[in-house]
Amino acid sequence: MTLDPYNAFVEHAPDAPTSSGSLTSITIGVKANIAVAGLHWTAGMALFRDRIASEDAEVVARLRAAGASITGILNMEEAALGAKTDNPWFGATHNPHRMGHTPGGSSGGSGAAVAAKLCDAALGTDTMGSIRIPAAYCGIYGFKPGPERVSQHGLELAEPGFDAIGPLARSLDLLEKVARVISEFGEAPAALGCATLADLGAVECEPAVLEGFGAARSAIGEIAHVTLPHPLSRVRYAGFIRTVRFMATHFADADPALLSDHLRRLIAYGPRRAEADWAEDQRVLAETADAVRAIVADHGTLLLPTAPQTAFAHCTTAPANQADFTCLANVAGLPALALPAGFSADGLPVGVQLIGATGSEVALFARARALDAALAAYRPPTLAKEPVP
């Protein structure tokens, strides 16, 4: 049953008293691959359609202890593999800035619910950009912690080495409040300065994305131009192979009828990969991780577009390069923050992201706050509705 105009929620939580804390009176929706006691824990899959979580994920327990009200379960890409949120079992989620368009994925329900004011904040998960891409497409803020800075207890994993649970919100202040509750925050100083990739790594970007990125680059001022040892498309593909190799093992005993044809095709890439090619994939990932960490250590932050394009219609094929920029933070195991950077001529949001150093989360948010003040690019969608009672 559709619970809102955008099909962001797939299940609402019953009213429950909350504790008193930093998040008192804040409503938070939770992506369907994160356990909420007593509610369905499906990961967007028919395979888990009848699974009820017996206990809260650690991040959910922390939110409750801080006074937040958990409002329900949010739609997502099947098994968190993809960046569209057109789920074959639970339906498509629509972008509040344009019906019929993707909110991004795999945390599409999280992005749509926050942008549409159906909840104050939401939890998503990010394997290669699945928090930050919905933040960009929906014109809001998203934070991916470093994977070792947030618990994976109660998360249906897509790839353990990449996965991180993180928040989405309509302001940096609330984003930081939620992030501090669920993840470790470090106050180590970051190196002064900022870097970006020379020629944006040759990734083809829409004009509106380049314009938003240009505004961010101008706001930051002096910026270093750096290079990586491998093309971003190669890094993204290596990350995809690592993810589907894990999934092939994880779902090896699953009834094929309970996995969509699309998901089965994607997972099949893992076992088919020749060992020599897989060894090369691992080399690409390792060398890229070292290079990105070195850039952040030397320059403090790495500024990039979030996604190369604005939200596209559900009836079109998803662009292959959606995660070319976002995959770097997951490969390197670093925190990353996405924020609005403007709009296309036809009114769709674009975003930029800052990748920072683990242990310097306070500095990362401070730099994001300064950039956000300069850009002043957040704008609610005209289609957004009032919160569901």
Protein backbone atom coordinates (compact mmCIF):
# COMPACT_ATOMS: atom_id res chain seq x y z
CA MET A 1 0.00 0.00 0.00
CA THR A 2 1.28 3.49 -0.84
CA LEU A 3 1.58 5.43 2.41
CA ASP A 4 2.47 8.84 0.93
CA PRO A 5 2.41 10.55 -2.47
CA TYR A 6 6.00 9.49 -3.23
CA ASN A 7 5.94 5.90 -1.97
CA ALA A 8 8.80 6.76 0.37
CA PHE A 9 7.44 4.83 3.37
CA VAL A 10 6.56 1.15 3.10
CA GLU A 11 5.51 0.78 6.75
CA HIS A 12 4.62 3.21 9.50
CA ALA A 13 5.57 2.64 13.12
CA PRO A 14 2.95 2.82 15.87
CA ASP A 15 3.17 5.82 18.16
CA ALA A 16 5.65 5.20 20.96
CA PRO A 17 6.94 7.30 23.85
CA THR A 18 10.50 8.54 23.48
CA SER A 19 13.28 9.36 25.89
CA SER A 20 14.48 12.88 26.55
CA GLY A 21 17.69 13.89 24.83
CA SER A 22 19.34 15.81 22.03
CA LEU A 23 16.80 14.50 19.48
CA THR A 24 13.60 14.89 21.50
CA SER A 25 10.61 15.58 19.19
CA ILE A 26 12.67 14.72 16.07
CA THR A 27 10.99 12.23 13.72
CA ILE A 28 13.24 9.78 11.87
CA GLY A 29 12.46 7.25 9.16
CA VAL A 30 14.65 4.18 8.74
CA LYS A 31 15.76 2.48 5.53
CA ALA A 32 14.36 -1.03 5.10
CA ASN A 33 17.74 -2.76 5.47
CA ILE A 34 18.17 -1.48 9.05
CA ALA A 35 16.42 -3.38 11.84
CA VAL A 36 13.63 -1.69 13.82
CA ALA A 37 12.17 -3.95 16.49
CA GLY A 38 8.68 -5.19 15.63
CA LEU A 39 8.74 -3.90 12.06
CA HIS A 40 9.52 -5.57 8.74
CA TRP A 41 13.23 -5.83 7.97
CA THR A 42 13.12 -6.60 4.26
CA ALA A 43 16.14 -4.87 2.71
CA GLY A 44 13.72 -4.21 -0.15
CA MET A 45 13.65 -7.92 -0.98
CA ALA A 46 10.89 -10.48 -1.44
CA LEU A 47 13.35 -12.90 0.15
CA PHE A 48 12.86 -11.12 3.50
CA ARG A 49 9.28 -9.91 2.98
CA ASP A 50 8.03 -11.67 6.13
CA ARG A 51 11.06 -11.04 8.36
CA ILE A 52 10.28 -9.03 11.49
CA ALA A 53 13.20 -7.51 13.39
CA SER A 54 13.47 -8.91 16.91
CA GLU A 55 15.55 -5.99 18.16
CA ASP A 56 16.67 -2.55 17.10
CA ALA A 57 19.86 -2.03 15.17
CA GLU A 58 22.39 -0.28 17.40
CA VAL A 59 21.97 3.00 15.53
CA VAL A 60 18.19 2.86 16.04
CA ALA A 61 18.63 2.12 19.74
CA ARG A 62 20.92 5.14 20.01
CA LEU A 63 18.36 7.36 18.29
CA ARG A 64 15.61 6.24 20.65
CA ALA A 65 17.86 6.84 23.66
CA ALA A 66 18.47 10.38 22.39
CA GLY A 67 14.71 11.02 22.25
CA ALA A 68 14.02 10.54 18.54
CA SER A 69 10.71 9.12 17.36
CA ILE A 70 11.08 6.32 14.80
CA THR A 71 8.25 6.89 12.34
CA GLY A 72 8.56 3.90 10.00
CA ILE A 73 10.39 1.96 7.32
CA LEU A 74 11.52 3.55 4.06
CA ASN A 75 11.62 2.13 0.55
CA MET A 76 14.95 1.32 -1.08
CA GLU A 77 16.61 -0.39 -4.01
CA GLU A 78 16.33 -4.19 -3.83
CA ALA A 79 19.23 -5.48 -1.67
CA ALA A 80 20.73 -1.94 -1.74
CA LEU A 81 22.20 -2.63 -5.17
CA GLY A 82 21.44 0.28 -7.46
CA ALA A 83 20.82 4.03 -7.46
CA LYS A 84 17.27 4.41 -8.76
CA THR A 85 14.76 3.01 -6.17
CA ASP A 86 12.36 1.44 -8.62
CA ASN A 87 11.78 -1.60 -6.45
CA PRO A 88 10.22 -4.65 -8.18
CA TRP A 89 8.52 -5.78 -4.94
CA PHE A 90 7.60 -2.51 -3.21
CA GLY A 91 7.22 -0.09 -6.12
CA ALA A 92 9.01 3.01 -7.32
CA THR A 93 9.72 5.96 -5.06
CA HIS A 94 9.25 9.38 -6.66
CA ASN A 95 11.41 12.46 -6.31
CA PRO A 96 9.53 15.24 -4.46
CA HIS A 97 10.99 17.75 -6.92
CA ARG A 98 9.48 15.88 -9.87
CA MET A 99 6.99 13.02 -9.85
CA GLY A 100 7.99 10.14 -12.11
CA HIS A 101 11.68 10.83 -11.48
CA THR A 102 14.12 8.90 -9.35
CA PRO A 103 15.03 10.13 -5.87
CA GLY A 104 18.31 8.24 -6.26
CA GLY A 105 19.28 5.09 -4.45
CA SER A 106 19.71 2.84 -2.89
CA SER A 107 18.39 5.06 -0.04
CA GLY A 108 15.74 6.60 -2.28
CA GLY A 109 12.94 6.39 0.25
CA SER A 110 15.14 8.13 2.80
CA GLY A 111 15.95 11.00 0.45
CA ALA A 112 12.36 11.45 -0.71
CA ALA A 113 10.84 11.32 2.78
CA VAL A 114 13.21 13.97 4.11
CA ALA A 115 12.88 16.26 1.09
CA ALA A 116 9.08 15.98 1.22
CA LYS A 117 8.98 16.75 4.97
CA LEU A 118 7.45 13.38 5.80
CA CYS A 119 10.02 13.11 8.60
CA ASP A 120 12.69 15.41 10.00
CA ALA A 121 15.59 13.11 9.18
CA ALA A 122 16.18 9.59 7.92
CA LEU A 123 18.73 6.83 8.10
CA GLY A 124 20.19 5.52 4.86
CA THR A 125 23.10 3.29 4.00
CA ASP A 126 25.97 4.04 1.66
CA THR A 127 27.91 1.33 -0.18
CA MET A 128 29.21 3.44 -3.08
CA GLY A 129 27.12 6.58 -2.77
CA SER A 130 23.68 5.42 -1.68
CA ILE A 131 23.18 8.21 0.88
CA ARG A 132 24.85 11.01 -1.05
CA ILE A 133 23.24 10.35 -4.45
CA PRO A 134 19.69 10.64 -3.01
CA ALA A 135 20.82 13.76 -1.12
CA ALA A 136 21.95 15.31 -4.41
CA TYR A 137 18.91 14.28 -6.45
CA CYS A 138 16.49 15.39 -3.70
CA GLY A 139 18.28 18.62 -2.82
CA ILE A 140 19.09 17.83 0.82
CA TYR A 141 22.08 16.96 3.03
CA GLY A 142 23.60 13.51 3.58
CA PHE A 143 26.50 12.17 5.61
CA LYS A 144 28.39 8.91 5.17
CA PRO A 145 30.58 8.14 8.19
CA GLY A 146 33.75 6.14 7.87
CA PRO A 147 32.72 2.45 8.06
CA GLU A 148 34.57 1.87 11.33
CA ARG A 149 32.91 4.90 12.95
CA VAL A 150 29.34 3.52 12.95
CA SER A 151 27.93 0.15 14.00
CA GLN A 152 26.77 -2.38 11.41
CA HIS A 153 24.78 -4.32 14.01
CA GLY A 154 21.29 -4.80 12.63
CA LEU A 155 22.24 -3.93 9.03
CA GLU A 156 21.53 -6.28 6.13
CA LEU A 157 24.89 -5.83 4.45
CA ALA A 158 25.62 -5.17 0.80
CA GLU A 159 29.44 -5.17 1.17
CA PRO A 160 30.87 -5.08 4.71
CA GLY A 161 34.03 -3.19 3.82
CA PHE A 162 32.14 -0.38 2.08
CA ASP A 163 28.83 -0.14 3.98
CA ALA A 164 28.08 2.70 6.38
CA ILE A 165 24.82 3.81 7.96
CA GLY A 166 24.32 7.57 7.94
CA PRO A 167 21.71 10.32 8.17
CA LEU A 168 19.92 12.56 5.67
CA ALA A 169 18.32 15.85 6.73
CA ARG A 170 17.11 19.23 5.46
CA SER A 171 19.77 21.17 7.40
CA LEU A 172 23.39 20.70 8.36
CA ASP A 173 22.55 21.36 12.00
CA LEU A 174 20.14 18.42 12.23
CA LEU A 175 22.38 16.26 10.05
CA GLU A 176 25.23 16.78 12.51
CA LYS A 177 23.01 16.17 15.56
CA VAL A 178 21.89 12.80 14.20
CA ALA A 179 25.38 11.89 13.00
CA ARG A 180 26.83 12.57 16.45
CA VAL A 181 24.29 10.23 18.04
CA ILE A 182 24.83 7.27 15.73
CA SER A 183 28.54 7.55 14.87
CA GLU A 184 31.88 8.47 16.37
CA PHE A 185 32.94 12.09 15.93
CA GLY A 186 36.59 13.09 16.11
CA GLU A 187 37.99 16.55 16.79
CA ALA A 188 41.40 16.04 15.22
CA PRO A 189 42.40 19.08 13.13
CA ALA A 190 42.36 18.63 9.37
CA ALA A 191 45.03 19.90 7.02
CA LEU A 192 44.32 23.38 5.72
CA GLY A 193 43.19 23.70 2.13
CA CYS A 194 41.06 21.74 -0.28
CA ALA A 195 41.66 19.70 -3.43
CA THR A 196 39.69 18.54 -6.41
CA LEU A 197 40.42 16.23 -9.32
CA ALA A 198 41.99 17.77 -12.38
CA ASP A 199 39.37 17.87 -15.15
CA LEU A 200 37.04 16.12 -12.68
CA GLY A 201 38.61 12.82 -13.62
CA ALA A 202 37.20 13.14 -17.17
CA VAL A 203 33.72 12.22 -15.91
CA GLU A 204 31.03 13.62 -18.20
CA CYS A 205 28.79 15.93 -16.16
CA GLU A 206 25.60 17.78 -17.01
CA PRO A 207 25.95 21.57 -17.36
CA ALA A 208 23.96 22.24 -14.18
CA VAL A 209 26.28 19.98 -12.20
CA LEU A 210 29.33 21.81 -13.54
CA GLU A 211 27.72 25.13 -12.68
CA GLY A 212 26.99 24.05 -9.09
CA PHE A 213 30.46 22.62 -8.70
CA GLY A 214 31.95 25.84 -10.11
CA ALA A 215 30.05 27.86 -7.52
CA ALA A 216 31.38 25.63 -4.75
CA ARG A 217 34.92 25.83 -6.05
CA SER A 218 34.71 29.63 -6.20
CA ALA A 219 33.33 29.80 -2.67
CA ILE A 220 36.24 27.75 -1.34
CA GLY A 221 38.84 29.88 -3.10
CA GLU A 222 42.33 28.49 -3.64
CA ILE A 223 42.11 24.80 -4.45
CA ALA A 224 44.69 22.19 -5.45
CA HIS A 225 44.23 20.01 -8.53
CA VAL A 226 45.20 16.38 -8.04
CA THR A 227 45.04 13.13 -10.01
CA LEU A 228 44.29 9.51 -9.20
CA PRO A 229 46.10 6.42 -10.49
CA HIS A 230 43.02 4.95 -12.20
CA PRO A 231 39.98 6.32 -14.10
CA LEU A 232 36.94 6.81 -11.90
CA SER A 233 34.85 4.50 -14.07
CA ARG A 234 37.42 1.73 -13.48
CA VAL A 235 37.36 2.32 -9.72
CA ARG A 236 33.58 2.26 -9.65
CA TYR A 237 33.46 -0.97 -11.62
CA ALA A 238 36.02 -2.62 -9.34
CA GLY A 239 33.88 -1.58 -6.36
CA PHE A 240 30.80 -3.01 -8.05
CA ILE A 241 32.57 -6.34 -8.62
CA ARG A 242 33.67 -6.48 -4.98
CA THR A 243 30.07 -5.83 -3.90
CA VAL A 244 28.44 -8.44 -6.14
CA ARG A 245 31.05 -11.05 -5.23
CA PHE A 246 29.99 -10.66 -1.61
CA MET A 247 26.32 -10.81 -2.56
CA ALA A 248 26.81 -13.92 -4.67
CA THR A 249 28.06 -15.73 -1.58
CA HIS A 250 25.58 -14.10 0.78
CA PHE A 251 22.56 -15.10 -1.33
CA ALA A 252 23.95 -18.37 -2.68
CA ASP A 253 21.21 -20.45 -1.05
CA ALA A 254 18.33 -18.05 -1.76
CA ASP A 255 15.33 -19.20 -3.81
CA PRO A 256 15.95 -17.60 -7.23
CA ALA A 257 12.24 -16.85 -7.52
CA LEU A 258 12.61 -14.44 -4.60
CA LEU A 259 15.29 -12.39 -6.35
CA SER A 260 14.31 -10.19 -9.26
CA ASP A 261 15.73 -10.93 -12.70
CA HIS A 262 17.61 -7.63 -12.53
CA LEU A 263 19.24 -8.45 -9.19
CA ARG A 264 20.20 -11.95 -10.34
CA ARG A 265 21.86 -10.51 -13.44
CA LEU A 266 23.85 -8.03 -11.40
CA ILE A 267 24.99 -10.58 -8.83
CA ALA A 268 26.07 -12.95 -11.60
CA TYR A 269 28.89 -10.59 -12.56
CA GLY A 270 30.75 -11.56 -9.40
CA PRO A 271 31.19 -15.32 -9.93
CA ARG A 272 31.86 -14.79 -13.65
CA ARG A 273 34.82 -12.50 -13.02
CA ALA A 274 38.10 -14.26 -13.91
CA GLU A 275 40.55 -14.53 -11.03
CA ALA A 276 43.19 -12.54 -12.89
CA ASP A 277 40.67 -9.75 -13.48
CA TRP A 278 39.58 -9.88 -9.83
CA ALA A 279 43.19 -9.56 -8.74
CA GLU A 280 43.48 -6.47 -10.93
CA ASP A 281 40.26 -5.09 -9.42
CA GLN A 282 41.75 -5.44 -5.95
CA ARG A 283 44.91 -3.64 -7.06
CA VAL A 284 42.84 -0.78 -8.49
CA LEU A 285 40.87 -0.45 -5.26
CA ALA A 286 43.96 -0.58 -3.03
CA GLU A 287 45.92 1.97 -5.04
CA THR A 288 42.92 4.30 -5.25
CA ALA A 289 42.30 4.05 -1.50
CA ASP A 290 45.91 4.97 -0.76
CA ALA A 291 45.79 7.89 -3.18
CA VAL A 292 42.53 9.36 -1.82
CA ARG A 293 43.72 9.04 1.79
CA ALA A 294 46.95 10.80 0.85
CA ILE A 295 45.05 13.64 -0.84
CA VAL A 296 42.88 14.18 2.23
CA ALA A 297 45.89 13.99 4.55
CA ASP A 298 47.71 16.63 2.50
CA HIS A 299 44.80 18.95 1.69
CA GLY A 300 42.17 18.41 4.39
CA THR A 301 39.21 17.79 2.10
CA LEU A 302 38.46 16.64 -1.44
CA LEU A 303 35.69 18.58 -3.19
CA LEU A 304 33.74 16.87 -5.97
CA PRO A 305 30.28 16.88 -7.51
CA THR A 306 28.05 14.35 -5.82
CA ALA A 307 26.47 12.87 -8.95
CA PRO A 308 27.30 13.78 -12.56
CA GLN A 309 23.63 14.35 -13.40
CA THR A 310 20.32 15.50 -11.98
CA ALA A 311 17.46 13.11 -11.24
CA PHE A 312 16.21 11.27 -14.33
CA ALA A 313 12.84 9.76 -15.23
CA HIS A 314 12.10 6.28 -13.92
CA CYS A 315 11.22 5.22 -17.46
CA THR A 316 14.81 5.81 -18.62
CA THR A 317 17.92 3.72 -18.06
CA ALA A 318 20.06 4.70 -15.07
CA PRO A 319 23.37 6.31 -16.12
CA ALA A 320 26.37 4.06 -15.57
CA ASN A 321 28.45 6.85 -14.05
CA GLN A 322 26.14 7.80 -11.14
CA ALA A 323 28.63 6.61 -8.51
CA ASP A 324 31.88 7.62 -10.23
CA PHE A 325 32.50 10.42 -7.72
CA THR A 326 30.82 8.97 -4.64
CA CYS A 327 32.59 5.59 -4.75
CA LEU A 328 35.91 7.17 -3.74
CA ALA A 329 34.93 7.76 -0.10
CA ASN A 330 33.77 4.15 0.29
CA VAL A 331 36.85 2.70 -1.38
CA ALA A 332 39.08 4.82 0.88
CA GLY A 333 36.96 4.26 4.01
CA LEU A 334 36.58 8.00 4.65
CA PRO A 335 33.69 10.20 5.84
CA ALA A 336 31.91 12.25 3.18
CA LEU A 337 29.20 14.91 3.31
CA ALA A 338 26.87 15.93 0.47
CA LEU A 339 25.12 19.30 0.33
CA PRO A 340 22.96 21.23 -2.16
CA ALA A 341 24.78 23.35 -4.75
CA GLY A 342 22.03 24.69 -6.99
CA PHE A 343 19.41 23.73 -9.54
CA SER A 344 19.20 22.93 -13.21
CA ALA A 345 17.34 25.26 -15.56
CA ASP A 346 14.28 23.03 -15.28
CA GLY A 347 14.29 23.00 -11.48
CA LEU A 348 16.09 19.81 -10.45
CA PRO A 349 18.69 19.91 -7.63
CA VAL A 350 22.43 19.35 -7.96
CA GLY A 351 24.89 18.71 -5.16
CA VAL A 352 28.54 18.68 -4.20
CA GLN A 353 30.39 16.61 -1.64
CA LEU A 354 33.36 16.99 0.67
CA ILE A 355 35.46 13.94 1.56
CA GLY A 356 37.39 14.32 4.80
CA ALA A 357 39.67 12.47 7.17
CA THR A 358 38.59 9.85 9.67
CA GLY A 359 38.81 11.37 13.12
CA SER A 360 38.33 14.90 11.76
CA GLU A 361 34.55 14.79 11.47
CA VAL A 362 34.16 18.06 13.39
CA ALA A 363 36.44 19.80 10.89
CA LEU A 364 34.58 18.24 7.95
CA PHE A 365 31.25 19.58 9.19
CA ALA A 366 32.79 22.99 9.87
CA ARG A 367 34.03 23.22 6.29
CA ALA A 368 30.70 22.02 4.97
CA ARG A 369 28.91 24.65 7.04
CA ALA A 370 31.07 27.44 5.64
CA LEU A 371 30.50 26.19 2.08
CA ASP A 372 26.77 25.81 2.68
CA ALA A 373 26.53 29.40 3.94
CA ALA A 374 28.25 30.64 0.79
CA LEU A 375 26.11 28.57 -1.59
CA ALA A 376 22.77 29.05 0.21
CA ALA A 377 21.38 26.48 -2.22
CA TYR A 378 18.82 24.52 -0.19
CA ARG A 379 15.29 24.99 -1.50
CA PRO A 380 12.31 22.79 -0.58
CA PRO A 381 10.44 21.10 -3.43
CA THR A 382 7.20 22.71 -4.52
CA LEU A 383 5.53 19.30 -4.39
CA ALA A 384 6.48 18.66 -0.75
CA LYS A 385 3.61 17.87 1.56
CA GLU A 386 3.15 18.36 5.24
CA PRO A 387 4.22 15.44 7.46
CA VAL A 388 1.90 12.44 7.57
CA PRO A 389 -0.13 12.56 10.84
